[in-house]
C-alpha cells in the first residue's frame, strides 16, 4: 500500500510515537523510510551578531543530528532501512518539500494534542501539514 514514508522528528514524545509507527509501517509494507528534522534559522533581527546566529544554528544542527541518530537506531534495531535529512527552515515547508522531492506517498507525524485556545494561540505544525499536503497524513496517537 505504501512505498515511501516520510516522518518528521523533533525528539518529543509525540514525535517518538510517530517514529515507532512509521518503522512498523515501513516493515509491514517493505517501504522506504525517511526521517526529517528541520532546524529553525534565526532571523538577523533576533541576532546579537553573526557569531551568535552561527552558534545557534550549529547547536540546533547538532541537536537535530542526535534526534535523527536516535530514529535511525530504532529503525536499524527493527531491521528497517532508513535515511535521514536535516534541513533549515519551517517545519511545514520542509515536510511538504521533502515529501515531494522524495516521492513519498504518506507522511507520519506526531501531535502535541493541543486543542481549543492553546492550539489557536500556539499553532500546530501537524495541522498545517494536514491542511496543505496533497498526501495522506497519518497522525500517530500519543498518550501521556
N, C-alpha and C. Protein backbone atom coordinates (compact mmCIF):
# COMPACT_ATOMS: atom_id res chain seq x y z
N UNK A 1 0.81 -1.18 0.00
CA UNK A 1 0.00 0.00 0.00
C UNK A 1 0.86 1.26 0.00
N UNK A 2 1.85 1.34 0.90
CA UNK A 2 2.75 2.49 0.94
C UNK A 2 4.14 2.04 0.51
N UNK A 3 4.81 2.87 -0.28
CA UNK A 3 6.16 2.53 -0.74
C UNK A 3 7.23 3.46 -0.21
N UNK A 4 6.82 4.66 0.24
CA UNK A 4 7.79 5.65 0.72
C UNK A 4 7.14 6.51 1.81
N UNK A 5 7.71 6.42 3.01
CA UNK A 5 7.13 7.07 4.19
C UNK A 5 8.06 8.18 4.67
N UNK A 6 7.49 9.35 4.94
CA UNK A 6 8.23 10.47 5.50
C UNK A 6 7.77 10.70 6.93
N UNK A 7 8.74 10.82 7.84
CA UNK A 7 8.42 11.08 9.23
C UNK A 7 9.27 12.22 9.77
N UNK A 8 8.66 13.39 10.02
CA UNK A 8 9.39 14.47 10.66
C UNK A 8 9.63 14.12 12.12
N UNK A 9 10.81 14.45 12.63
CA UNK A 9 11.15 14.12 14.02
C UNK A 9 11.68 15.36 14.74
N UNK A 10 11.31 15.46 16.03
CA UNK A 10 11.83 16.57 16.83
C UNK A 10 12.28 16.14 18.22
N UNK A 11 12.25 14.84 18.50
CA UNK A 11 12.72 14.34 19.78
C UNK A 11 11.69 14.36 20.89
N UNK A 12 10.48 14.85 20.62
CA UNK A 12 9.43 14.90 21.64
C UNK A 12 8.74 13.54 21.74
N UNK A 13 8.03 13.28 22.85
CA UNK A 13 7.29 12.01 22.95
C UNK A 13 6.28 11.80 21.80
N UNK A 14 5.52 12.82 21.36
CA UNK A 14 4.65 12.57 20.21
C UNK A 14 5.42 12.21 18.94
N UNK A 15 6.58 12.83 18.75
CA UNK A 15 7.41 12.50 17.60
C UNK A 15 7.94 11.07 17.71
N UNK A 16 8.31 10.68 18.91
CA UNK A 16 8.79 9.31 19.13
C UNK A 16 7.71 8.29 18.80
N UNK A 17 6.45 8.62 19.13
CA UNK A 17 5.33 7.73 18.78
C UNK A 17 5.20 7.61 17.27
N UNK A 18 5.40 8.72 16.56
CA UNK A 18 5.33 8.70 15.09
C UNK A 18 6.47 7.86 14.52
N UNK A 19 7.66 7.96 15.10
CA UNK A 19 8.80 7.16 14.64
C UNK A 19 8.48 5.67 14.75
N UNK A 20 7.96 5.28 15.90
CA UNK A 20 7.63 3.86 16.11
C UNK A 20 6.57 3.37 15.12
N UNK A 21 5.55 4.19 14.89
CA UNK A 21 4.51 3.82 13.93
C UNK A 21 5.08 3.74 12.51
N UNK A 22 5.89 4.70 12.13
CA UNK A 22 6.47 4.72 10.78
C UNK A 22 7.38 3.50 10.56
N UNK A 23 8.13 3.14 11.57
CA UNK A 23 9.01 1.96 11.46
C UNK A 23 8.16 0.70 11.27
N UNK A 24 7.09 0.57 12.05
CA UNK A 24 6.20 -0.59 11.91
C UNK A 24 5.57 -0.63 10.52
N UNK A 25 5.17 0.53 10.01
CA UNK A 25 4.58 0.58 8.67
C UNK A 25 5.61 0.23 7.61
N UNK A 26 6.82 0.78 7.73
CA UNK A 26 7.87 0.50 6.74
C UNK A 26 8.19 -0.98 6.72
N UNK A 27 8.21 -1.58 7.88
CA UNK A 27 8.50 -3.02 7.96
C UNK A 27 7.36 -3.83 7.33
N UNK A 28 6.13 -3.48 7.65
CA UNK A 28 4.98 -4.22 7.14
C UNK A 28 4.82 -4.09 5.62
N UNK A 29 5.10 -2.90 5.09
CA UNK A 29 4.91 -2.65 3.66
C UNK A 29 6.21 -2.73 2.85
N UNK A 30 7.32 -3.03 3.55
CA UNK A 30 8.64 -3.04 2.89
C UNK A 30 8.87 -1.71 2.15
N UNK A 31 8.53 -0.63 2.86
CA UNK A 31 8.60 0.71 2.27
C UNK A 31 9.90 1.40 2.63
N UNK A 32 10.27 2.39 1.82
CA UNK A 32 11.40 3.26 2.14
C UNK A 32 10.94 4.18 3.27
N UNK A 33 11.90 4.56 4.12
CA UNK A 33 11.58 5.41 5.26
C UNK A 33 12.56 6.57 5.32
N UNK A 34 12.03 7.77 5.42
CA UNK A 34 12.87 8.97 5.52
C UNK A 34 12.49 9.72 6.79
N UNK A 35 13.48 9.95 7.66
CA UNK A 35 13.31 10.79 8.84
C UNK A 35 13.82 12.18 8.50
N UNK A 36 13.04 13.19 8.85
CA UNK A 36 13.37 14.58 8.53
C UNK A 36 13.38 15.41 9.80
N UNK A 37 14.40 16.25 9.94
CA UNK A 37 14.42 17.22 11.04
C UNK A 37 14.69 18.60 10.45
N UNK A 38 13.84 19.55 10.80
CA UNK A 38 14.01 20.92 10.31
C UNK A 38 14.59 21.79 11.42
N UNK A 39 15.65 22.50 11.08
CA UNK A 39 16.32 23.40 12.02
C UNK A 39 15.82 24.81 11.74
N UNK A 40 15.30 25.46 12.77
CA UNK A 40 14.85 26.85 12.62
C UNK A 40 16.08 27.74 12.46
N UNK A 41 16.05 28.58 11.46
CA UNK A 41 17.15 29.52 11.22
C UNK A 41 16.75 30.86 11.82
N UNK A 42 17.49 31.36 12.83
CA UNK A 42 17.11 32.64 13.43
C UNK A 42 17.24 33.79 12.44
N UNK A 43 16.28 34.67 12.47
CA UNK A 43 16.32 35.83 11.60
C UNK A 43 17.37 36.82 12.11
N UNK A 44 17.99 37.55 11.21
CA UNK A 44 19.01 38.51 11.64
C UNK A 44 18.50 39.52 12.67
N UNK A 45 17.21 39.85 12.63
CA UNK A 45 16.68 40.82 13.58
C UNK A 45 16.77 40.30 15.02
N UNK A 46 16.78 38.96 15.18
CA UNK A 46 16.89 38.36 16.51
C UNK A 46 18.33 38.04 16.86
N UNK A 47 19.23 38.44 16.05
CA UNK A 47 20.62 38.07 16.17
C UNK A 47 21.40 39.12 16.96
N UNK A 48 22.30 38.64 17.80
CA UNK A 48 23.16 39.55 18.55
C UNK A 48 24.47 39.74 17.82
N UNK A 49 24.53 39.28 16.60
CA UNK A 49 25.76 39.35 15.82
C UNK A 49 25.92 38.07 15.05
N UNK A 50 26.73 38.09 14.02
CA UNK A 50 26.92 36.92 13.17
C UNK A 50 27.33 35.68 13.94
N UNK A 51 28.20 35.86 14.94
CA UNK A 51 28.68 34.71 15.71
C UNK A 51 27.54 34.04 16.45
N UNK A 52 26.68 34.83 17.10
CA UNK A 52 25.57 34.26 17.86
C UNK A 52 24.64 33.46 16.96
N UNK A 53 24.34 34.00 15.81
CA UNK A 53 23.46 33.30 14.87
C UNK A 53 24.10 32.00 14.41
N UNK A 54 25.37 32.06 14.07
CA UNK A 54 26.10 30.88 13.63
C UNK A 54 26.15 29.82 14.73
N UNK A 55 26.36 30.25 15.96
CA UNK A 55 26.42 29.33 17.09
C UNK A 55 25.06 28.67 17.33
N UNK A 56 24.00 29.45 17.25
CA UNK A 56 22.65 28.90 17.43
C UNK A 56 22.36 27.84 16.37
N UNK A 57 22.65 28.16 15.13
CA UNK A 57 22.41 27.21 14.03
C UNK A 57 23.23 25.95 14.25
N UNK A 58 24.49 26.08 14.63
CA UNK A 58 25.35 24.91 14.86
C UNK A 58 24.80 24.04 15.99
N UNK A 59 24.35 24.67 17.07
CA UNK A 59 23.79 23.92 18.19
C UNK A 59 22.52 23.18 17.76
N UNK A 60 21.68 23.83 16.98
CA UNK A 60 20.45 23.20 16.50
C UNK A 60 20.75 22.05 15.53
N UNK A 61 21.77 22.21 14.71
CA UNK A 61 22.16 21.14 13.80
C UNK A 61 22.68 19.94 14.58
N UNK A 62 23.47 20.19 15.61
CA UNK A 62 23.99 19.11 16.44
C UNK A 62 22.84 18.37 17.12
N UNK A 63 21.88 19.13 17.65
CA UNK A 63 20.70 18.54 18.28
C UNK A 63 19.91 17.73 17.25
N UNK A 64 19.72 18.29 16.06
CA UNK A 64 18.99 17.59 15.00
C UNK A 64 19.67 16.29 14.60
N UNK A 65 20.99 16.32 14.48
CA UNK A 65 21.74 15.10 14.15
C UNK A 65 21.51 14.02 15.21
N UNK A 66 21.49 14.42 16.48
CA UNK A 66 21.27 13.46 17.57
C UNK A 66 19.87 12.86 17.50
N UNK A 67 18.88 13.71 17.23
CA UNK A 67 17.49 13.24 17.12
C UNK A 67 17.36 12.27 15.94
N UNK A 68 17.95 12.61 14.81
CA UNK A 68 17.91 11.73 13.64
C UNK A 68 18.65 10.43 13.93
N UNK A 69 19.75 10.52 14.65
CA UNK A 69 20.51 9.32 15.02
C UNK A 69 19.70 8.35 15.87
N UNK A 70 18.92 8.90 16.79
CA UNK A 70 18.06 8.05 17.63
C UNK A 70 17.00 7.34 16.79
N UNK A 71 16.39 8.07 15.86
CA UNK A 71 15.38 7.47 14.98
C UNK A 71 16.01 6.36 14.13
N UNK A 72 17.21 6.64 13.60
CA UNK A 72 17.91 5.63 12.79
C UNK A 72 18.23 4.38 13.60
N UNK A 73 18.62 4.57 14.86
CA UNK A 73 18.93 3.42 15.72
C UNK A 73 17.69 2.55 15.91
N UNK A 74 16.55 3.18 16.16
CA UNK A 74 15.31 2.42 16.33
C UNK A 74 14.96 1.65 15.05
N UNK A 75 15.13 2.31 13.91
CA UNK A 75 14.84 1.64 12.63
C UNK A 75 15.79 0.45 12.43
N UNK A 76 17.07 0.68 12.67
CA UNK A 76 18.07 -0.38 12.49
C UNK A 76 17.77 -1.56 13.41
N UNK A 77 17.44 -1.26 14.67
CA UNK A 77 17.10 -2.32 15.63
C UNK A 77 15.89 -3.14 15.18
N UNK A 78 14.99 -2.51 14.42
CA UNK A 78 13.80 -3.19 13.91
C UNK A 78 14.04 -3.86 12.55
N UNK A 79 15.26 -3.70 12.02
CA UNK A 79 15.58 -4.29 10.73
C UNK A 79 15.03 -3.51 9.55
N UNK A 80 14.82 -2.22 9.75
CA UNK A 80 14.26 -1.37 8.69
C UNK A 80 15.34 -0.39 8.22
N UNK A 81 15.55 -0.35 6.91
CA UNK A 81 16.49 0.61 6.33
C UNK A 81 15.81 1.97 6.27
N UNK A 82 16.56 3.00 6.62
CA UNK A 82 16.00 4.35 6.60
C UNK A 82 17.08 5.34 6.19
N UNK A 83 16.64 6.52 5.82
CA UNK A 83 17.53 7.64 5.50
C UNK A 83 17.14 8.81 6.39
N UNK A 84 18.06 9.78 6.49
CA UNK A 84 17.75 10.99 7.24
C UNK A 84 18.02 12.21 6.38
N UNK A 85 17.35 13.29 6.75
CA UNK A 85 17.60 14.57 6.09
C UNK A 85 17.45 15.67 7.14
N UNK A 86 18.47 16.51 7.23
CA UNK A 86 18.47 17.67 8.12
C UNK A 86 18.41 18.90 7.24
N UNK A 87 17.37 19.72 7.44
CA UNK A 87 17.18 20.91 6.61
C UNK A 87 16.95 22.12 7.49
N UNK A 88 17.15 23.30 6.92
CA UNK A 88 16.86 24.54 7.62
C UNK A 88 15.55 25.11 7.15
N UNK A 89 14.83 25.74 8.05
CA UNK A 89 13.59 26.40 7.66
C UNK A 89 12.40 25.94 8.46
N UNK A 90 11.23 26.33 8.00
CA UNK A 90 9.99 25.99 8.71
C UNK A 90 9.68 24.51 8.56
N UNK A 91 9.14 23.94 9.61
CA UNK A 91 8.83 22.51 9.61
C UNK A 91 7.84 22.17 8.50
N UNK A 92 6.76 22.92 8.42
CA UNK A 92 5.72 22.61 7.42
C UNK A 92 6.28 22.65 6.00
N UNK A 93 7.02 23.70 5.68
CA UNK A 93 7.60 23.81 4.34
C UNK A 93 8.59 22.68 4.08
N UNK A 94 9.42 22.36 5.07
CA UNK A 94 10.41 21.30 4.92
C UNK A 94 9.75 19.96 4.68
N UNK A 95 8.69 19.68 5.41
CA UNK A 95 7.97 18.41 5.27
C UNK A 95 7.36 18.30 3.89
N UNK A 96 6.65 19.33 3.47
CA UNK A 96 5.98 19.28 2.16
C UNK A 96 6.99 19.20 1.02
N UNK A 97 8.09 19.93 1.13
CA UNK A 97 9.13 19.88 0.09
C UNK A 97 9.78 18.51 0.03
N UNK A 98 10.15 17.96 1.18
CA UNK A 98 10.80 16.65 1.21
C UNK A 98 9.87 15.56 0.69
N UNK A 99 8.60 15.64 1.05
CA UNK A 99 7.64 14.63 0.58
C UNK A 99 7.58 14.63 -0.94
N UNK A 100 7.60 15.82 -1.53
CA UNK A 100 7.58 15.94 -2.99
C UNK A 100 8.89 15.46 -3.61
N UNK A 101 10.01 15.93 -3.07
CA UNK A 101 11.33 15.58 -3.63
C UNK A 101 11.62 14.08 -3.55
N UNK A 102 11.13 13.42 -2.52
CA UNK A 102 11.42 12.00 -2.32
C UNK A 102 10.27 11.10 -2.78
N UNK A 103 9.28 11.68 -3.43
CA UNK A 103 8.13 10.94 -3.95
C UNK A 103 7.48 10.06 -2.87
N UNK A 104 7.30 10.64 -1.70
CA UNK A 104 6.66 9.91 -0.61
C UNK A 104 5.17 9.79 -0.89
N UNK A 105 4.57 8.74 -0.34
CA UNK A 105 3.14 8.61 -0.54
C UNK A 105 2.34 8.69 0.76
N UNK A 106 3.04 8.90 1.89
CA UNK A 106 2.36 9.14 3.16
C UNK A 106 3.33 9.86 4.09
N UNK A 107 2.77 10.70 4.94
CA UNK A 107 3.54 11.41 5.97
C UNK A 107 3.01 10.93 7.31
N UNK A 108 3.91 10.49 8.18
CA UNK A 108 3.53 10.05 9.52
C UNK A 108 4.10 11.05 10.51
N UNK A 109 3.21 11.71 11.27
CA UNK A 109 3.63 12.75 12.20
C UNK A 109 3.07 12.51 13.59
N UNK A 110 3.72 13.11 14.55
CA UNK A 110 3.20 13.14 15.91
C UNK A 110 2.42 14.42 16.11
N UNK A 111 1.72 14.49 17.21
CA UNK A 111 0.99 15.70 17.56
C UNK A 111 1.16 15.95 19.04
N UNK A 112 1.09 17.20 19.41
CA UNK A 112 1.14 17.54 20.83
C UNK A 112 -0.25 17.52 21.44
N UNK A 113 -1.26 17.27 20.64
CA UNK A 113 -2.61 17.14 21.15
C UNK A 113 -3.21 18.43 21.67
N UNK A 114 -2.73 19.56 21.19
CA UNK A 114 -3.28 20.84 21.63
C UNK A 114 -4.67 21.03 21.04
N UNK A 115 -5.54 21.54 21.86
CA UNK A 115 -6.90 21.80 21.38
C UNK A 115 -7.34 23.19 21.84
N UNK A 116 -8.43 23.63 21.28
CA UNK A 116 -9.03 24.89 21.71
C UNK A 116 -8.09 26.07 21.61
N UNK A 117 -8.08 26.90 22.66
CA UNK A 117 -7.30 28.14 22.66
C UNK A 117 -5.81 27.87 22.53
N UNK A 118 -5.28 26.84 23.21
CA UNK A 118 -3.85 26.56 23.14
C UNK A 118 -3.43 26.30 21.70
N UNK A 119 -4.24 25.56 20.96
CA UNK A 119 -3.90 25.28 19.57
C UNK A 119 -3.98 26.54 18.73
N UNK A 120 -5.00 27.34 18.96
CA UNK A 120 -5.18 28.58 18.19
C UNK A 120 -4.02 29.54 18.43
N UNK A 121 -3.58 29.63 19.68
CA UNK A 121 -2.51 30.55 20.03
C UNK A 121 -1.15 30.00 19.61
N UNK A 122 -0.90 28.75 19.92
CA UNK A 122 0.42 28.16 19.67
C UNK A 122 0.58 27.63 18.26
N UNK A 123 -0.51 27.39 17.59
CA UNK A 123 -0.44 26.83 16.25
C UNK A 123 -0.12 25.35 16.29
N UNK A 124 -0.14 24.72 15.17
CA UNK A 124 0.15 23.30 15.10
C UNK A 124 0.80 22.98 13.77
N UNK A 125 2.04 22.53 13.85
CA UNK A 125 2.75 22.15 12.62
C UNK A 125 2.04 20.99 11.94
N UNK A 126 1.56 20.06 12.74
CA UNK A 126 0.84 18.91 12.17
C UNK A 126 -0.42 19.37 11.46
N UNK A 127 -1.18 20.24 12.07
CA UNK A 127 -2.41 20.74 11.44
C UNK A 127 -2.09 21.48 10.15
N UNK A 128 -1.00 22.23 10.13
CA UNK A 128 -0.62 22.95 8.92
C UNK A 128 -0.26 21.98 7.79
N UNK A 129 0.48 20.94 8.12
CA UNK A 129 0.83 19.95 7.10
C UNK A 129 -0.42 19.24 6.60
N UNK A 130 -1.32 18.87 7.52
CA UNK A 130 -2.56 18.21 7.12
C UNK A 130 -3.35 19.10 6.16
N UNK A 131 -3.43 20.37 6.47
CA UNK A 131 -4.22 21.29 5.65
C UNK A 131 -3.62 21.51 4.27
N UNK A 132 -2.30 21.41 4.15
CA UNK A 132 -1.64 21.76 2.90
C UNK A 132 -1.12 20.57 2.09
N UNK A 133 -1.10 19.40 2.66
CA UNK A 133 -0.49 18.25 1.98
C UNK A 133 -1.42 17.61 0.95
N UNK A 134 -0.86 17.31 -0.23
CA UNK A 134 -1.64 16.55 -1.20
C UNK A 134 -1.61 15.05 -0.88
N UNK A 135 -0.80 14.67 0.10
CA UNK A 135 -0.65 13.27 0.50
C UNK A 135 -1.46 12.99 1.76
N UNK A 136 -1.73 11.72 2.01
CA UNK A 136 -2.34 11.38 3.30
C UNK A 136 -1.33 11.68 4.42
N UNK A 137 -1.85 12.19 5.53
CA UNK A 137 -1.02 12.44 6.71
C UNK A 137 -1.61 11.60 7.84
N UNK A 138 -0.81 10.70 8.34
CA UNK A 138 -1.22 9.84 9.43
C UNK A 138 -0.65 10.41 10.72
N UNK A 139 -1.53 10.71 11.69
CA UNK A 139 -1.09 11.28 12.95
C UNK A 139 -1.04 10.16 13.98
N UNK A 140 0.16 9.93 14.51
CA UNK A 140 0.36 8.85 15.47
C UNK A 140 -0.25 9.21 16.81
N UNK A 141 -0.96 8.28 17.42
CA UNK A 141 -1.52 8.56 18.75
C UNK A 141 -0.39 8.64 19.78
N UNK A 142 -0.57 9.51 20.74
CA UNK A 142 0.39 9.65 21.82
C UNK A 142 -0.38 9.88 23.10
N UNK A 143 -0.18 8.99 24.03
CA UNK A 143 -0.85 9.13 25.32
C UNK A 143 0.19 9.46 26.37
N UNK A 144 -0.03 10.55 27.10
CA UNK A 144 0.93 10.97 28.12
C UNK A 144 0.89 10.05 29.30
